[in-house]
Amino acid sequence: MAHEILSVKMYELDKKLEQTHSRIQLAESMDTERLHQQIQNLRQECQESRITLENRLRHSKTDCVMKLAGVYDQVEAAVGKVLEAENINLKNKEPIFGNVLPGTEKKILTAEYALDFAMQAVNRALLVSLEAIEAQRLEEKKEAEE
């Protein structure tokens, strides 16, 4: 059963990664107004996705998932505060002073690290998935021996 559930989740992740890659490529060729609209649409999608996940978490059968959701909420709130505090108006031409980066470059670097964090989350999800498959196999083996 774990394999089927994980296969579905991997398919969803593959589709989301394809969509993310495509949206980044398309965004580079969009005019400013269309790009702004895409950003607003994505913010709405993120909010809807978050609500859906929260609803699913309420029905979770494990306390661990609820605890992780709480930690995720704390991390997301902290990230939001940092990004808000560092918000830079990209319409202003900002000179580079010492090691201070202009707003555009800061946002690009922030995006780069956000993708690094996403890859780390994928690695963690892979580890948990493999451990779940292993646990299922050990349980099946134990049941077969009884």
N, C-alpha and C. Protein backbone atom coordinates (compact mmCIF):
# COMPACT_ATOMS: atom_id res chain seq x y z
N MET A 1 0.82 -1.19 0.00
CA MET A 1 0.00 0.00 0.00
C MET A 1 0.86 1.26 0.00
N ALA A 2 1.95 1.25 0.74
CA ALA A 2 2.82 2.44 0.80
C ALA A 2 3.29 2.81 -0.60
N HIS A 3 3.63 1.79 -1.39
CA HIS A 3 4.15 2.07 -2.73
C HIS A 3 3.13 2.81 -3.58
N GLU A 4 1.87 2.40 -3.53
CA GLU A 4 0.83 3.04 -4.34
C GLU A 4 0.63 4.49 -3.92
N ILE A 5 0.55 4.72 -2.62
CA ILE A 5 0.37 6.08 -2.11
C ILE A 5 1.55 6.95 -2.51
N LEU A 6 2.75 6.42 -2.33
CA LEU A 6 3.95 7.20 -2.64
C LEU A 6 4.08 7.44 -4.14
N SER A 7 3.66 6.47 -4.94
CA SER A 7 3.70 6.65 -6.40
C SER A 7 2.79 7.80 -6.83
N VAL A 8 1.62 7.87 -6.24
CA VAL A 8 0.70 8.97 -6.56
C VAL A 8 1.31 10.30 -6.15
N LYS A 9 1.90 10.35 -4.97
CA LYS A 9 2.53 11.59 -4.50
C LYS A 9 3.71 11.98 -5.39
N MET A 10 4.48 11.00 -5.83
CA MET A 10 5.61 11.31 -6.72
C MET A 10 5.11 11.85 -8.05
N TYR A 11 4.03 11.30 -8.55
CA TYR A 11 3.44 11.80 -9.79
C TYR A 11 3.02 13.25 -9.61
N GLU A 12 2.36 13.55 -8.48
CA GLU A 12 1.95 14.93 -8.19
C GLU A 12 3.17 15.85 -8.11
N LEU A 13 4.22 15.39 -7.46
CA LEU A 13 5.44 16.19 -7.34
C LEU A 13 6.09 16.41 -8.70
N ASP A 14 6.15 15.37 -9.52
CA ASP A 14 6.70 15.51 -10.88
C ASP A 14 5.94 16.57 -11.67
N LYS A 15 4.62 16.50 -11.61
CA LYS A 15 3.80 17.47 -12.34
C LYS A 15 4.04 18.89 -11.82
N LYS A 16 4.14 19.03 -10.51
CA LYS A 16 4.37 20.36 -9.92
C LYS A 16 5.75 20.88 -10.31
N LEU A 17 6.75 20.03 -10.35
CA LEU A 17 8.09 20.46 -10.75
C LEU A 17 8.12 20.86 -12.22
N GLU A 18 7.44 20.09 -13.07
CA GLU A 18 7.35 20.45 -14.49
C GLU A 18 6.68 21.81 -14.65
N GLN A 19 5.59 21.99 -13.92
CA GLN A 19 4.86 23.25 -13.98
C GLN A 19 5.72 24.41 -13.47
N THR A 20 6.46 24.19 -12.41
CA THR A 20 7.33 25.22 -11.85
C THR A 20 8.40 25.62 -12.85
N HIS A 21 9.03 24.63 -13.44
CA HIS A 21 10.08 24.89 -14.43
C HIS A 21 9.51 25.68 -15.60
N SER A 22 8.37 25.26 -16.09
CA SER A 22 7.73 25.93 -17.22
C SER A 22 7.35 27.36 -16.86
N ARG A 23 6.80 27.56 -15.68
CA ARG A 23 6.38 28.91 -15.28
C ARG A 23 7.58 29.85 -15.14
N ILE A 24 8.68 29.35 -14.62
CA ILE A 24 9.88 30.20 -14.51
C ILE A 24 10.36 30.59 -15.90
N GLN A 25 10.42 29.62 -16.82
CA GLN A 25 10.86 29.93 -18.18
C GLN A 25 9.92 30.93 -18.85
N LEU A 26 8.63 30.72 -18.73
CA LEU A 26 7.67 31.64 -19.34
C LEU A 26 7.74 33.04 -18.72
N ALA A 27 7.96 33.10 -17.43
CA ALA A 27 8.01 34.39 -16.73
C ALA A 27 9.12 35.28 -17.27
N GLU A 28 10.21 34.67 -17.70
CA GLU A 28 11.34 35.46 -18.19
C GLU A 28 11.02 36.19 -19.49
N SER A 29 10.00 35.74 -20.21
CA SER A 29 9.65 36.40 -21.47
C SER A 29 8.34 37.19 -21.39
N MET A 30 7.71 37.22 -20.22
CA MET A 30 6.44 37.94 -20.06
C MET A 30 6.67 39.44 -19.90
N ASP A 31 5.67 40.21 -20.32
CA ASP A 31 5.73 41.64 -20.03
C ASP A 31 5.43 41.84 -18.54
N THR A 32 5.77 43.00 -18.03
CA THR A 32 5.68 43.27 -16.60
C THR A 32 4.27 43.11 -16.05
N GLU A 33 3.29 43.59 -16.79
CA GLU A 33 1.90 43.50 -16.33
C GLU A 33 1.44 42.05 -16.21
N ARG A 34 1.75 41.27 -17.22
CA ARG A 34 1.37 39.84 -17.20
C ARG A 34 2.11 39.11 -16.08
N LEU A 35 3.38 39.43 -15.88
CA LEU A 35 4.16 38.81 -14.81
C LEU A 35 3.54 39.15 -13.45
N HIS A 36 3.16 40.40 -13.27
CA HIS A 36 2.53 40.80 -12.01
C HIS A 36 1.24 40.01 -11.78
N GLN A 37 0.46 39.82 -12.83
CA GLN A 37 -0.78 39.04 -12.72
C GLN A 37 -0.47 37.59 -12.37
N GLN A 38 0.57 37.03 -12.97
CA GLN A 38 0.97 35.66 -12.65
C GLN A 38 1.37 35.53 -11.18
N ILE A 39 2.07 36.53 -10.68
CA ILE A 39 2.46 36.52 -9.27
C ILE A 39 1.22 36.54 -8.38
N GLN A 40 0.26 37.38 -8.71
CA GLN A 40 -0.98 37.45 -7.93
C GLN A 40 -1.73 36.11 -7.99
N ASN A 41 -1.79 35.52 -9.17
CA ASN A 41 -2.45 34.22 -9.32
C ASN A 41 -1.75 33.15 -8.49
N LEU A 42 -0.43 33.15 -8.51
CA LEU A 42 0.32 32.16 -7.75
C LEU A 42 0.13 32.36 -6.25
N ARG A 43 0.07 33.60 -5.81
CA ARG A 43 -0.20 33.84 -4.38
C ARG A 43 -1.55 33.23 -3.99
N GLN A 44 -2.53 33.39 -4.85
CA GLN A 44 -3.86 32.82 -4.59
C GLN A 44 -3.78 31.29 -4.58
N GLU A 45 -3.07 30.71 -5.54
CA GLU A 45 -2.89 29.25 -5.59
C GLU A 45 -2.22 28.75 -4.31
N CYS A 46 -1.19 29.47 -3.87
CA CYS A 46 -0.48 29.07 -2.65
C CYS A 46 -1.41 29.09 -1.45
N GLN A 47 -2.23 30.12 -1.35
CA GLN A 47 -3.19 30.22 -0.25
C GLN A 47 -4.19 29.07 -0.30
N GLU A 48 -4.71 28.77 -1.48
CA GLU A 48 -5.67 27.67 -1.62
C GLU A 48 -5.02 26.33 -1.30
N SER A 49 -3.79 26.15 -1.76
CA SER A 49 -3.05 24.92 -1.49
C SER A 49 -2.81 24.75 0.00
N ARG A 50 -2.48 25.84 0.66
CA ARG A 50 -2.23 25.81 2.10
C ARG A 50 -3.51 25.41 2.85
N ILE A 51 -4.63 25.97 2.45
CA ILE A 51 -5.91 25.65 3.10
C ILE A 51 -6.25 24.18 2.89
N THR A 52 -6.04 23.68 1.68
CA THR A 52 -6.29 22.27 1.39
C THR A 52 -5.42 21.38 2.26
N LEU A 53 -4.14 21.72 2.36
CA LEU A 53 -3.23 20.93 3.19
C LEU A 53 -3.65 20.98 4.65
N GLU A 54 -4.01 22.15 5.14
CA GLU A 54 -4.45 22.26 6.54
C GLU A 54 -5.68 21.39 6.79
N ASN A 55 -6.61 21.37 5.86
CA ASN A 55 -7.80 20.52 6.00
C ASN A 55 -7.43 19.05 6.03
N ARG A 56 -6.49 18.65 5.19
CA ARG A 56 -6.04 17.25 5.18
C ARG A 56 -5.33 16.90 6.48
N LEU A 57 -4.55 17.84 6.99
CA LEU A 57 -3.81 17.58 8.23
C LEU A 57 -4.74 17.36 9.42
N ARG A 58 -5.86 18.06 9.43
CA ARG A 58 -6.83 17.90 10.52
C ARG A 58 -7.34 16.46 10.61
N HIS A 59 -7.32 15.76 9.49
CA HIS A 59 -7.83 14.39 9.45
C HIS A 59 -6.70 13.35 9.52
N SER A 60 -5.50 13.80 9.80
CA SER A 60 -4.35 12.89 9.85
C SER A 60 -4.48 11.93 11.03
N LYS A 61 -3.97 10.74 10.83
CA LYS A 61 -4.05 9.70 11.86
C LYS A 61 -2.82 9.69 12.77
N THR A 62 -1.83 10.53 12.48
CA THR A 62 -0.61 10.50 13.29
C THR A 62 -0.33 11.85 13.94
N ASP A 63 0.09 11.79 15.19
CA ASP A 63 0.47 13.01 15.91
C ASP A 63 1.71 13.63 15.29
N CYS A 64 2.59 12.80 14.78
CA CYS A 64 3.84 13.29 14.18
C CYS A 64 3.54 14.28 13.05
N VAL A 65 2.56 13.97 12.23
CA VAL A 65 2.22 14.85 11.11
C VAL A 65 1.72 16.19 11.64
N MET A 66 0.92 16.16 12.69
CA MET A 66 0.41 17.40 13.27
C MET A 66 1.55 18.24 13.84
N LYS A 67 2.51 17.59 14.49
CA LYS A 67 3.65 18.31 15.04
C LYS A 67 4.50 18.92 13.92
N LEU A 68 4.73 18.14 12.87
CA LEU A 68 5.49 18.66 11.73
C LEU A 68 4.77 19.83 11.07
N ALA A 69 3.46 19.74 10.99
CA ALA A 69 2.68 20.84 10.41
C ALA A 69 2.86 22.11 11.23
N GLY A 70 2.89 21.96 12.55
CA GLY A 70 3.11 23.12 13.41
C GLY A 70 4.47 23.74 13.19
N VAL A 71 5.48 22.90 13.06
CA VAL A 71 6.84 23.39 12.80
C VAL A 71 6.90 24.06 11.43
N TYR A 72 6.26 23.44 10.45
CA TYR A 72 6.23 24.02 9.11
C TYR A 72 5.58 25.40 9.14
N ASP A 73 4.49 25.53 9.89
CA ASP A 73 3.82 26.83 10.01
C ASP A 73 4.76 27.87 10.62
N GLN A 74 5.52 27.46 11.64
CA GLN A 74 6.47 28.38 12.27
C GLN A 74 7.55 28.81 11.29
N VAL A 75 8.07 27.85 10.54
CA VAL A 75 9.11 28.16 9.55
C VAL A 75 8.55 29.08 8.47
N GLU A 76 7.37 28.76 7.99
CA GLU A 76 6.77 29.59 6.94
C GLU A 76 6.52 31.01 7.44
N ALA A 77 6.07 31.14 8.68
CA ALA A 77 5.85 32.47 9.25
C ALA A 77 7.17 33.23 9.37
N ALA A 78 8.23 32.53 9.80
CA ALA A 78 9.54 33.18 9.93
C ALA A 78 10.07 33.60 8.57
N VAL A 79 9.92 32.74 7.57
CA VAL A 79 10.35 33.08 6.21
C VAL A 79 9.58 34.30 5.72
N GLY A 80 8.28 34.31 5.96
CA GLY A 80 7.46 35.45 5.55
C GLY A 80 7.93 36.75 6.19
N LYS A 81 8.27 36.70 7.46
CA LYS A 81 8.75 37.90 8.16
C LYS A 81 10.07 38.38 7.58
N VAL A 82 10.98 37.45 7.31
CA VAL A 82 12.28 37.83 6.75
C VAL A 82 12.10 38.44 5.37
N LEU A 83 11.31 37.80 4.53
CA LEU A 83 11.09 38.32 3.18
C LEU A 83 10.41 39.68 3.22
N GLU A 84 9.46 39.84 4.13
CA GLU A 84 8.78 41.13 4.26
C GLU A 84 9.76 42.20 4.73
N ALA A 85 10.60 41.86 5.70
CA ALA A 85 11.58 42.83 6.22
C ALA A 85 12.61 43.20 5.17
N GLU A 86 12.91 42.26 4.26
CA GLU A 86 13.93 42.49 3.23
C GLU A 86 13.33 42.94 1.90
N ASN A 87 12.03 43.20 1.88
CA ASN A 87 11.37 43.55 0.62
C ASN A 87 12.05 44.76 -0.02
N ILE A 88 12.37 44.61 -1.27
CA ILE A 88 13.09 45.65 -2.00
C ILE A 88 12.28 46.00 -3.23
N ASN A 89 12.10 47.27 -3.45
CA ASN A 89 11.36 47.74 -4.61
C ASN A 89 12.21 47.53 -5.85
N LEU A 90 11.81 46.60 -6.69
CA LEU A 90 12.62 46.27 -7.87
C LEU A 90 12.57 47.35 -8.94
N LYS A 91 11.67 48.31 -8.81
CA LYS A 91 11.59 49.38 -9.81
C LYS A 91 12.69 50.41 -9.60
N ASN A 92 13.25 50.45 -8.40
CA ASN A 92 14.34 51.39 -8.13
C ASN A 92 15.65 50.82 -8.61
N LYS A 93 16.46 51.64 -9.23
CA LYS A 93 17.81 51.22 -9.61
C LYS A 93 18.68 51.40 -8.37
N GLU A 94 19.17 50.30 -7.86
CA GLU A 94 19.96 50.37 -6.63
C GLU A 94 21.42 50.08 -6.94
N PRO A 95 22.31 50.97 -6.55
CA PRO A 95 23.73 50.72 -6.77
C PRO A 95 24.25 49.69 -5.78
N ILE A 96 25.35 49.07 -6.13
CA ILE A 96 25.98 48.11 -5.23
C ILE A 96 26.96 48.88 -4.35
N PHE A 97 26.79 48.78 -3.03
CA PHE A 97 27.70 49.40 -2.07
C PHE A 97 28.32 48.29 -1.25
N GLY A 98 29.61 48.12 -1.35
CA GLY A 98 30.29 47.07 -0.60
C GLY A 98 29.71 45.72 -0.94
N ASN A 99 29.27 45.01 0.10
CA ASN A 99 28.70 43.69 -0.15
C ASN A 99 27.16 43.71 -0.11
N VAL A 100 26.58 44.90 -0.22
CA VAL A 100 25.13 45.02 -0.29
C VAL A 100 24.70 44.84 -1.74
N LEU A 101 23.79 43.94 -1.96
CA LEU A 101 23.34 43.63 -3.31
C LEU A 101 22.12 44.45 -3.68
N PRO A 102 21.99 44.79 -4.94
CA PRO A 102 20.76 45.47 -5.35
C PRO A 102 19.57 44.53 -5.19
N GLY A 103 18.39 45.10 -5.09
CA GLY A 103 17.17 44.33 -4.83
C GLY A 103 16.96 43.16 -5.74
N THR A 104 17.18 43.34 -7.02
CA THR A 104 16.97 42.26 -7.97
C THR A 104 17.87 41.08 -7.65
N GLU A 105 19.12 41.36 -7.41
CA GLU A 105 20.06 40.29 -7.12
C GLU A 105 19.72 39.59 -5.81
N LYS A 106 19.28 40.35 -4.82
CA LYS A 106 18.88 39.74 -3.55
C LYS A 106 17.71 38.78 -3.77
N LYS A 107 16.75 39.21 -4.57
CA LYS A 107 15.59 38.35 -4.81
C LYS A 107 15.98 37.10 -5.59
N ILE A 108 16.89 37.23 -6.54
CA ILE A 108 17.35 36.06 -7.29
C ILE A 108 18.07 35.09 -6.36
N LEU A 109 18.93 35.61 -5.50
CA LEU A 109 19.63 34.74 -4.55
C LEU A 109 18.66 34.10 -3.57
N THR A 110 17.66 34.85 -3.14
CA THR A 110 16.64 34.30 -2.25
C THR A 110 15.90 33.17 -2.95
N ALA A 111 15.55 33.37 -4.21
CA ALA A 111 14.87 32.32 -4.98
C ALA A 111 15.77 31.09 -5.12
N GLU A 112 17.05 31.33 -5.36
CA GLU A 112 17.99 30.21 -5.49
C GLU A 112 18.01 29.37 -4.22
N TYR A 113 18.11 30.05 -3.07
CA TYR A 113 18.15 29.30 -1.82
C TYR A 113 16.80 28.67 -1.48
N ALA A 114 15.71 29.32 -1.88
CA ALA A 114 14.39 28.70 -1.67
C ALA A 114 14.31 27.38 -2.43
N LEU A 115 14.87 27.36 -3.64
CA LEU A 115 14.90 26.11 -4.41
C LEU A 115 15.83 25.09 -3.76
N ASP A 116 16.94 25.55 -3.18
CA ASP A 116 17.82 24.64 -2.43
C ASP A 116 17.07 24.02 -1.25
N PHE A 117 16.30 24.85 -0.54
CA PHE A 117 15.52 24.33 0.59
C PHE A 117 14.47 23.33 0.10
N ALA A 118 13.89 23.61 -1.06
CA ALA A 118 12.91 22.68 -1.63
C ALA A 118 13.57 21.34 -1.95
N MET A 119 14.78 21.38 -2.49
CA MET A 119 15.50 20.13 -2.78
C MET A 119 15.79 19.38 -1.49
N GLN A 120 16.14 20.11 -0.44
CA GLN A 120 16.38 19.47 0.85
C GLN A 120 15.10 18.81 1.36
N ALA A 121 13.98 19.49 1.18
CA ALA A 121 12.69 18.92 1.59
C ALA A 121 12.38 17.66 0.79
N VAL A 122 12.71 17.67 -0.51
CA VAL A 122 12.50 16.48 -1.34
C VAL A 122 13.37 15.34 -0.85
N ASN A 123 14.61 15.63 -0.51
CA ASN A 123 15.50 14.59 0.03
C ASN A 123 14.94 14.01 1.32
N ARG A 124 14.43 14.87 2.19
CA ARG A 124 13.85 14.41 3.45
C ARG A 124 12.61 13.55 3.16
N ALA A 125 11.79 13.98 2.21
CA ALA A 125 10.60 13.21 1.85
C ALA A 125 11.00 11.85 1.29
N LEU A 126 12.07 11.80 0.50
CA LEU A 126 12.56 10.53 -0.03
C LEU A 126 12.99 9.61 1.11
N LEU A 127 13.74 10.15 2.05
CA LEU A 127 14.20 9.35 3.18
C LEU A 127 13.01 8.78 3.97
N VAL A 128 12.04 9.62 4.28
CA VAL A 128 10.86 9.16 5.02
C VAL A 128 10.09 8.13 4.20
N SER A 129 10.01 8.32 2.89
CA SER A 129 9.31 7.37 2.02
C SER A 129 10.00 6.01 2.03
N LEU A 130 11.32 6.01 1.89
CA LEU A 130 12.05 4.74 1.90
C LEU A 130 11.91 4.05 3.25
N GLU A 131 11.95 4.81 4.32
CA GLU A 131 11.76 4.23 5.65
C GLU A 131 10.36 3.64 5.80
N ALA A 132 9.35 4.29 5.21
CA ALA A 132 7.98 3.78 5.27
C ALA A 132 7.87 2.47 4.50
N ILE A 133 8.50 2.41 3.34
CA ILE A 133 8.49 1.17 2.55
C ILE A 133 9.19 0.06 3.32
N GLU A 134 10.33 0.38 3.92
CA GLU A 134 11.05 -0.61 4.72
C GLU A 134 10.20 -1.10 5.88
N ALA A 135 9.53 -0.19 6.57
CA ALA A 135 8.68 -0.58 7.70
C ALA A 135 7.55 -1.48 7.25
N GLN A 136 6.97 -1.17 6.10
CA GLN A 136 5.89 -2.00 5.57
C GLN A 136 6.40 -3.40 5.25
N ARG A 137 7.56 -3.48 4.64
CA ARG A 137 8.13 -4.80 4.30
C ARG A 137 8.44 -5.61 5.55
N LEU A 138 8.99 -4.95 6.57
CA LEU A 138 9.29 -5.65 7.81
C LEU A 138 8.02 -6.15 8.48
N GLU A 139 6.97 -5.35 8.42
CA GLU A 139 5.68 -5.75 8.98
C GLU A 139 5.11 -6.94 8.22
N GLU A 140 5.19 -6.90 6.89
CA GLU A 140 4.70 -8.01 6.07
C GLU A 140 5.50 -9.28 6.34
N LYS A 141 6.81 -9.13 6.50
CA LYS A 141 7.66 -10.29 6.79
C LYS A 141 7.31 -10.88 8.14
N LYS A 142 7.08 -10.02 9.12
CA LYS A 142 6.72 -10.47 10.46
C LYS A 142 5.39 -11.21 10.44
N GLU A 143 4.41 -10.67 9.70
CA GLU A 143 3.10 -11.31 9.59
C GLU A 143 3.21 -12.66 8.88
N ALA A 144 4.08 -12.75 7.89
CA ALA A 144 4.26 -14.01 7.15
C ALA A 144 4.89 -15.08 8.04
N GLU A 145 5.74 -14.66 8.97
CA GLU A 145 6.41 -15.61 9.85
C GLU A 145 5.49 -16.12 10.95
N GLU A 146 4.43 -15.38 11.24
CA GLU A 146 3.52 -15.79 12.33
C GLU A 146 2.55 -16.84 11.94
